[in-house]
Amino acid sequence: MTASTQDSPEWRLVGEFIEACNCSVPCQCLWYELPDDDRCTFAGFWTIEEGTYGDVSLDGLGAGMLVWEDGVLLEGGWHVVLVLDEAADDEQAEALEAIFSGQAGGLFEAAAPLIETVEDSVAVPFSYSTADGHRSFSAGDIVTIETDESAGFGDQQGSVFPHPFVPPEERANTGKTTDATVDYDDDFSWDVGGNNSYFGPFEMANS
């Protein structure tokens, strides 16, 4: 643990996550396979129902990231844009950035060595809803994700593990997007609807 993570206050987040990428269902990148087209593009977001960072409340906020990389996802080389909920005040935004950049320990610290560069950080309004197995997420005009559950044999909801952003005792549910677009800049713009999505509840902390 680095000095910065040792100095970080205790934090805990509970809520729902959703991600969408360019691979077919299920995404093979979790098992050190090459992504479809040899380039991974994904958008992952966490909607926080209950959250604390020391004495700072993060209830009702959210954060996430846009990522692209060439080659095997879990071997690193990630180019990242952090996306924060514009409803956060300055103190809350600092807390969210510390957590989701990996500076404050927890799951994101473990993934931090995979990041080659954080290209930018931006704040936009978040929207997330669920109804009848369908999930809708948007981050301003930058991200739109519409996804449906993917059932397997016996009409059971599909799930996978391990997943780098899901605690070891939990699974990521599988889904298939009907719309998955990112429009930020030339490097972070893609339309990968009709492909893989992972989603589900999450509970994570740094202690």
C-alpha atoms as a PDB file:
ATOM      1  CA  MET A   1       0.000   0.000   0.000  1.00  0.00           C
ATOM      2  CA  THR A   2       1.350   3.419  -0.919  1.00  0.00           C
ATOM      3  CA  ALA A   3       1.577   6.335   1.446  1.00  0.00           C
ATOM      4  CA  SER A   4      -1.364   7.981  -0.292  1.00  0.00           C
ATOM      5  CA  THR A   5      -3.654   5.000   0.244  1.00  0.00           C
ATOM      6  CA  GLN A   6      -2.486   4.660   3.852  1.00  0.00           C
ATOM      7  CA  ASP A   7      -3.506   8.277   4.408  1.00  0.00           C
ATOM      8  CA  SER A   8      -6.915   7.828   2.753  1.00  0.00           C
ATOM      9  CA  PRO A   9      -9.997   7.762   4.975  1.00  0.00           C
ATOM     10  CA  GLU A  10     -12.122   4.635   5.147  1.00  0.00           C
ATOM     11  CA  TRP A  11     -14.735   4.496   2.433  1.00  0.00           C
ATOM     12  CA  ARG A  12     -17.658   2.249   1.566  1.00  0.00           C
ATOM     13  CA  LEU A  13     -19.970   2.238  -1.460  1.00  0.00           C
ATOM     14  CA  VAL A  14     -23.188   0.301  -2.128  1.00  0.00           C
ATOM     15  CA  GLY A  15     -25.235   0.513  -5.305  1.00  0.00           C
ATOM     16  CA  GLU A  16     -25.536  -0.713  -8.899  1.00  0.00           C
ATOM     17  CA  PHE A  17     -22.931  -0.920 -11.637  1.00  0.00           C
ATOM     18  CA  ILE A  18     -23.273  -1.183 -15.395  1.00  0.00           C
ATOM     19  CA  GLU A  19     -20.731  -1.488 -18.185  1.00  0.00           C
ATOM     20  CA  ALA A  20     -20.808  -1.952 -21.928  1.00  0.00           C
ATOM     21  CA  CYS A  21     -18.016  -2.982 -24.291  1.00  0.00           C
ATOM     22  CA  ASN A  22     -17.349  -3.953 -27.892  1.00  0.00           C
ATOM     23  CA  CYS A  23     -17.027  -7.725 -27.341  1.00  0.00           C
ATOM     24  CA  SER A  24     -19.791 -10.222 -27.987  1.00  0.00           C
ATOM     25  CA  VAL A  25     -21.631 -11.783 -25.020  1.00  0.00           C
ATOM     26  CA  PRO A  26     -19.923 -12.686 -22.741  1.00  0.00           C
ATOM     27  CA  CYS A  27     -16.803 -10.551 -22.993  1.00  0.00           C
ATOM     28  CA  GLN A  28     -13.742 -12.819 -23.168  1.00  0.00           C
ATOM     29  CA  CYS A  29     -11.331 -10.165 -21.879  1.00  0.00           C
ATOM     30  CA  LEU A  30     -11.868 -11.392 -18.306  1.00  0.00           C
ATOM     31  CA  TRP A  31      -9.883 -14.528 -19.212  1.00  0.00           C
ATOM     32  CA  TYR A  32      -6.848 -12.861 -20.832  1.00  0.00           C
ATOM     33  CA  GLU A  33      -8.219 -13.321 -24.360  1.00  0.00           C
ATOM     34  CA  LEU A  34      -7.891 -10.673 -27.056  1.00  0.00           C
ATOM     35  CA  PRO A  35     -10.949  -8.431 -27.431  1.00  0.00           C
ATOM     36  CA  ASP A  36     -13.006  -8.414 -30.601  1.00  0.00           C
ATOM     37  CA  ASP A  37     -11.120  -6.428 -33.269  1.00  0.00           C
ATOM     38  CA  ASP A  38      -8.017  -6.573 -30.985  1.00  0.00           C
ATOM     39  CA  ARG A  39      -9.048  -3.298 -29.302  1.00  0.00           C
ATOM     40  CA  CYS A  40     -11.123  -3.020 -26.141  1.00  0.00           C
ATOM     41  CA  THR A  41     -13.484  -0.086 -25.720  1.00  0.00           C
ATOM     42  CA  PHE A  42     -15.641   0.003 -22.642  1.00  0.00           C
ATOM     43  CA  ALA A  43     -17.625   2.346 -20.440  1.00  0.00           C
ATOM     44  CA  GLY A  44     -18.220   1.371 -16.812  1.00  0.00           C
ATOM     45  CA  PHE A  45     -20.316   3.252 -14.249  1.00  0.00           C
ATOM     46  CA  TRP A  46     -21.286   2.913 -10.611  1.00  0.00           C
ATOM     47  CA  THR A  47     -24.504   4.429  -9.272  1.00  0.00           C
ATOM     48  CA  ILE A  48     -24.087   4.881  -5.521  1.00  0.00           C
ATOM     49  CA  GLU A  49     -27.120   4.349  -3.316  1.00  0.00           C
ATOM     50  CA  GLU A  50     -25.210   4.630  -0.032  1.00  0.00           C
ATOM     51  CA  GLY A  51     -21.649   5.848   0.252  1.00  0.00           C
ATOM     52  CA  THR A  52     -19.180   7.428   2.641  1.00  0.00           C
ATOM     53  CA  TYR A  53     -15.607   8.651   2.310  1.00  0.00           C
ATOM     54  CA  GLY A  54     -14.547   9.482   5.810  1.00  0.00           C
ATOM     55  CA  ASP A  55     -17.140  12.027   6.941  1.00  0.00           C
ATOM     56  CA  VAL A  56     -18.194  12.845   3.370  1.00  0.00           C
ATOM     57  CA  SER A  57     -21.522  11.409   2.211  1.00  0.00           C
ATOM     58  CA  LEU A  58     -21.623  10.052  -1.344  1.00  0.00           C
ATOM     59  CA  ASP A  59     -25.272   8.957  -1.228  1.00  0.00           C
ATOM     60  CA  GLY A  60     -27.071   9.303  -4.548  1.00  0.00           C
ATOM     61  CA  LEU A  61     -23.983  10.138  -6.589  1.00  0.00           C
ATOM     62  CA  GLY A  62     -22.062   8.204  -9.224  1.00  0.00           C
ATOM     63  CA  ALA A  63     -18.809   7.877 -11.110  1.00  0.00           C
ATOM     64  CA  GLY A  64     -17.245   5.823 -13.861  1.00  0.00           C
ATOM     65  CA  MET A  65     -14.715   5.637 -16.629  1.00  0.00           C
ATOM     66  CA  LEU A  66     -14.237   5.418 -20.368  1.00  0.00           C
ATOM     67  CA  VAL A  67     -11.438   3.087 -21.418  1.00  0.00           C
ATOM     68  CA  TRP A  68      -9.724   1.987 -24.583  1.00  0.00           C
ATOM     69  CA  GLU A  69      -6.659  -0.208 -24.989  1.00  0.00           C
ATOM     70  CA  ASP A  70      -5.031  -2.344 -27.642  1.00  0.00           C
ATOM     71  CA  GLY A  71      -4.323  -5.985 -26.876  1.00  0.00           C
ATOM     72  CA  VAL A  72      -5.191  -8.043 -23.805  1.00  0.00           C
ATOM     73  CA  LEU A  73      -7.236  -5.934 -21.377  1.00  0.00           C
ATOM     74  CA  LEU A  74      -5.815  -7.381 -18.165  1.00  0.00           C
ATOM     75  CA  GLU A  75      -2.230  -6.824 -19.308  1.00  0.00           C
ATOM     76  CA  GLY A  76      -2.653  -3.050 -19.090  1.00  0.00           C
ATOM     77  CA  GLY A  77      -2.118  -0.106 -21.394  1.00  0.00           C
ATOM     78  CA  TRP A  78      -5.447   1.503 -20.500  1.00  0.00           C
ATOM     79  CA  HIS A  79      -6.268   5.023 -21.673  1.00  0.00           C
ATOM     80  CA  VAL A  80      -8.900   6.439 -19.323  1.00  0.00           C
ATOM     81  CA  VAL A  81     -11.288   9.337 -18.936  1.00  0.00           C
ATOM     82  CA  LEU A  82     -12.815   9.600 -15.462  1.00  0.00           C
ATOM     83  CA  VAL A  83     -16.467  10.668 -15.503  1.00  0.00           C
ATOM     84  CA  LEU A  84     -17.965  12.123 -12.319  1.00  0.00           C
ATOM     85  CA  ASP A  85     -21.514  13.026 -11.359  1.00  0.00           C
ATOM     86  CA  GLU A  86     -21.917  16.802 -11.658  1.00  0.00           C
ATOM     87  CA  ALA A  87     -24.281  16.709  -8.657  1.00  0.00           C
ATOM     88  CA  ALA A  88     -21.200  16.229  -6.442  1.00  0.00           C
ATOM     89  CA  ASP A  89     -19.845  19.278  -4.646  1.00  0.00           C
ATOM     90  CA  ASP A  90     -16.096  19.939  -4.568  1.00  0.00           C
ATOM     91  CA  GLU A  91     -15.452  17.740  -1.533  1.00  0.00           C
ATOM     92  CA  GLN A  92     -17.541  14.895  -2.907  1.00  0.00           C
ATOM     93  CA  ALA A  93     -15.902  15.168  -6.334  1.00  0.00           C
ATOM     94  CA  GLU A  94     -12.460  14.916  -4.750  1.00  0.00           C
ATOM     95  CA  ALA A  95     -13.589  11.803  -2.871  1.00  0.00           C
ATOM     96  CA  LEU A  96     -15.008  10.168  -5.992  1.00  0.00           C
ATOM     97  CA  GLU A  97     -11.872  10.900  -8.000  1.00  0.00           C
ATOM     98  CA  ALA A  98      -9.661   9.496  -5.246  1.00  0.00           C
ATOM     99  CA  ILE A  99     -11.688   6.259  -5.096  1.00  0.00           C
ATOM    100  CA  PHE A 100     -12.174   5.628  -8.801  1.00  0.00           C
ATOM    101  CA  SER A 101      -8.613   6.531  -9.781  1.00  0.00           C
ATOM    102  CA  GLY A 102      -7.309   3.948  -7.315  1.00  0.00           C
ATOM    103  CA  GLN A 103      -5.648   6.476  -5.004  1.00  0.00           C
ATOM    104  CA  ALA A 104      -7.792   5.490  -2.004  1.00  0.00           C
ATOM    105  CA  GLY A 105      -7.310   1.714  -1.938  1.00  0.00           C
ATOM    106  CA  GLY A 106      -9.849  -1.032  -2.576  1.00  0.00           C
ATOM    107  CA  LEU A 107     -10.614  -2.713  -5.900  1.00  0.00           C
ATOM    108  CA  PHE A 108      -9.644   0.319  -7.935  1.00  0.00           C
ATOM    109  CA  GLU A 109      -6.167   0.416  -6.421  1.00  0.00           C
ATOM    110  CA  ALA A 110      -5.631  -3.156  -7.668  1.00  0.00           C
ATOM    111  CA  ALA A 111      -6.591  -2.078 -11.209  1.00  0.00           C
ATOM    112  CA  ALA A 112      -4.564   1.161 -11.156  1.00  0.00           C
ATOM    113  CA  PRO A 113      -1.332  -0.461 -12.500  1.00  0.00           C
ATOM    114  CA  LEU A 114      -3.261  -1.365 -15.673  1.00  0.00           C
ATOM    115  CA  ILE A 115      -3.763   2.330 -16.468  1.00  0.00           C
ATOM    116  CA  GLU A 116      -1.206   3.843 -18.825  1.00  0.00           C
ATOM    117  CA  THR A 117      -2.663   7.336 -18.728  1.00  0.00           C
ATOM    118  CA  VAL A 118      -5.663   9.240 -17.388  1.00  0.00           C
ATOM    119  CA  GLU A 119      -6.480  11.510 -20.289  1.00  0.00           C
ATOM    120  CA  ASP A 120      -9.079  13.693 -18.589  1.00  0.00           C
ATOM    121  CA  SER A 121     -11.707  14.032 -15.867  1.00  0.00           C
ATOM    122  CA  VAL A 122     -15.142  15.452 -16.605  1.00  0.00           C
ATOM    123  CA  ALA A 123     -18.355  16.077 -14.631  1.00  0.00           C
ATOM    124  CA  VAL A 124     -21.783  15.571 -16.227  1.00  0.00           C
ATOM    125  CA  PRO A 125     -25.305  14.693 -15.014  1.00  0.00           C
ATOM    126  CA  PHE A 126     -26.013  10.990 -14.438  1.00  0.00           C
ATOM    127  CA  SER A 127     -29.253   9.087 -14.982  1.00  0.00           C
ATOM    128  CA  TYR A 128     -29.894   5.395 -14.188  1.00  0.00           C
ATOM    129  CA  SER A 129     -33.097   3.362 -14.158  1.00  0.00           C
ATOM    130  CA  THR A 130     -34.249  -0.256 -14.280  1.00  0.00           C
ATOM    131  CA  ALA A 131     -37.554  -1.803 -15.343  1.00  0.00           C
ATOM    132  CA  ASP A 132     -38.566  -5.351 -16.289  1.00  0.00           C
ATOM    133  CA  GLY A 133     -35.011  -6.591 -16.808  1.00  0.00           C
ATOM    134  CA  HIS A 134     -33.966  -3.543 -18.833  1.00  0.00           C
ATOM    135  CA  ARG A 135     -31.380  -1.021 -17.637  1.00  0.00           C
ATOM    136  CA  SER A 136     -30.859   2.510 -18.893  1.00  0.00           C
ATOM    137  CA  PHE A 137     -27.886   4.728 -18.106  1.00  0.00           C
ATOM    138  CA  SER A 138     -26.681   8.062 -19.395  1.00  0.00           C
ATOM    139  CA  ALA A 139     -23.859  10.417 -18.505  1.00  0.00           C
ATOM    140  CA  GLY A 140     -24.757  13.757 -20.034  1.00  0.00           C
ATOM    141  CA  ASP A 141     -24.361  13.717 -23.803  1.00  0.00           C
ATOM    142  CA  ILE A 142     -21.247  11.558 -23.498  1.00  0.00           C
ATOM    143  CA  VAL A 143     -22.557   8.067 -22.680  1.00  0.00           C
ATOM    144  CA  THR A 144     -25.732   6.128 -23.389  1.00  0.00           C
ATOM    145  CA  ILE A 145     -26.183   2.494 -22.344  1.00  0.00           C
ATOM    146  CA  GLU A 146     -29.373   0.486 -22.834  1.00  0.00           C
ATOM    147  CA  THR A 147     -29.056  -3.171 -21.875  1.00  0.00           C
ATOM    148  CA  ASP A 148     -31.208  -6.253 -21.330  1.00  0.00           C
ATOM    149  CA  GLU A 149     -30.527  -9.283 -19.183  1.00  0.00           C
ATOM    150  CA  SER A 150     -28.996 -12.326 -20.899  1.00  0.00           C
ATOM    151  CA  ALA A 151     -30.441 -15.613 -19.703  1.00  0.00           C
ATOM    152  CA  GLY A 152     -28.750 -18.983 -20.081  1.00  0.00           C
ATOM    153  CA  PHE A 153     -29.876 -22.589 -19.823  1.00  0.00           C
ATOM    154  CA  GLY A 154     -33.149 -22.944 -17.962  1.00  0.00           C
ATOM    155  CA  ASP A 155     -33.789 -19.222 -18.418  1.00  0.00           C
ATOM    156  CA  GLN A 156     -31.368 -18.503 -15.578  1.00  0.00           C
ATOM    157  CA  GLN A 157     -29.643 -15.132 -15.504  1.00  0.00           C
ATOM    158  CA  GLY A 158     -26.091 -15.507 -16.778  1.00  0.00           C
ATOM    159  CA  SER A 159     -23.189 -14.377 -14.602  1.00  0.00           C
ATOM    160  CA  VAL A 160     -19.385 -14.427 -14.604  1.00  0.00           C
ATOM    161  CA  PHE A 161     -16.443 -14.210 -12.224  1.00  0.00           C
ATOM    162  CA  PRO A 162     -13.800 -13.119 -11.536  1.00  0.00           C
ATOM    163  CA  HIS A 163     -14.253  -9.525 -12.638  1.00  0.00           C
ATOM    164  CA  PRO A 164     -11.665  -6.851 -11.743  1.00  0.00           C
ATOM    165  CA  PHE A 165     -14.289  -4.396 -10.496  1.00  0.00           C
ATOM    166  CA  VAL A 166     -16.517  -6.882  -8.656  1.00  0.00           C
ATOM    167  CA  PRO A 167     -15.606  -8.096  -5.139  1.00  0.00           C
ATOM    168  CA  PRO A 168     -14.387 -11.738  -5.102  1.00  0.00           C
ATOM    169  CA  GLU A 169     -17.519 -12.973  -3.325  1.00  0.00           C
ATOM    170  CA  GLU A 170     -19.837 -11.426  -5.933  1.00  0.00           C
ATOM    171  CA  ARG A 171     -20.614 -12.076  -9.609  1.00  0.00           C
ATOM    172  CA  ALA A 172     -21.225  -9.812 -12.579  1.00  0.00           C
ATOM    173  CA  ASN A 173     -24.492 -10.463 -14.399  1.00  0.00           C
ATOM    174  CA  THR A 174     -24.391 -10.753 -18.181  1.00  0.00           C
ATOM    175  CA  GLY A 175     -26.437  -8.624 -20.518  1.00  0.00           C
ATOM    176  CA  LYS A 176     -26.648  -7.511 -24.135  1.00  0.00           C
ATOM    177  CA  THR A 177     -26.880  -3.877 -25.119  1.00  0.00           C
ATOM    178  CA  THR A 178     -29.405  -2.403 -27.510  1.00  0.00           C
ATOM    179  CA  ASP A 179     -27.572   0.915 -27.416  1.00  0.00           C
ATOM    180  CA  ALA A 180     -24.034   1.621 -26.216  1.00  0.00           C
ATOM    181  CA  THR A 181     -22.504   4.851 -27.424  1.00  0.00           C
ATOM    182  CA  VAL A 182     -19.667   7.064 -26.237  1.00  0.00           C
ATOM    183  CA  ASP A 183     -19.050  10.501 -27.728  1.00  0.00           C
ATOM    184  CA  TYR A 184     -16.298  12.411 -25.928  1.00  0.00           C
ATOM    185  CA  ASP A 185     -13.450  13.105 -28.363  1.00  0.00           C
ATOM    186  CA  ASP A 186     -11.739  11.418 -31.311  1.00  0.00           C
ATOM    187  CA  ASP A 187     -10.129   8.725 -29.145  1.00  0.00           C
ATOM    188  CA  PHE A 188     -13.134   8.161 -26.911  1.00  0.00           C
ATOM    189  CA  SER A 189     -15.993   7.795 -29.384  1.00  0.00           C
ATOM    190  CA  TRP A 190     -17.645   4.508 -30.298  1.00  0.00           C
ATOM    191  CA  ASP A 191     -20.950   2.813 -31.011  1.00  0.00           C
ATOM    192  CA  VAL A 192     -20.911  -0.802 -29.798  1.00  0.00           C
ATOM    193  CA  GLY A 193     -24.611  -1.553 -29.311  1.00  0.00           C
ATOM    194  CA  GLY A 194     -25.652  -5.185 -29.671  1.00  0.00           C
ATOM    195  CA  ASN A 195     -22.674  -6.437 -27.695  1.00  0.00           C
ATOM    196  CA  ASN A 196     -21.680  -7.340 -24.151  1.00  0.00           C
ATOM    197  CA  SER A 197     -22.814  -5.702 -20.942  1.00  0.00           C
ATOM    198  CA  TYR A 198     -22.111  -6.560 -17.315  1.00  0.00           C
ATOM    199  CA  PHE A 199     -24.252  -5.223 -14.484  1.00  0.00           C
ATOM    200  CA  GLY A 200     -25.395  -5.879 -10.964  1.00  0.00           C
ATOM    201  CA  PRO A 201     -25.353  -4.730  -7.365  1.00  0.00           C
ATOM    202  CA  PHE A 202     -22.060  -3.898  -5.737  1.00  0.00           C
ATOM    203  CA  GLU A 203     -20.701  -3.325  -2.259  1.00  0.00           C
ATOM    204  CA  MET A 204     -17.062  -2.326  -1.888  1.00  0.00           C
ATOM    205  CA  ALA A 205     -14.755  -0.667   0.615  1.00  0.00           C
ATOM    206  CA  ASN A 206     -11.083  -0.073   1.316  1.00  0.00           C
ATOM    207  CA  SER A 207     -11.048  -1.836   4.694  1.00  0.00           C
END
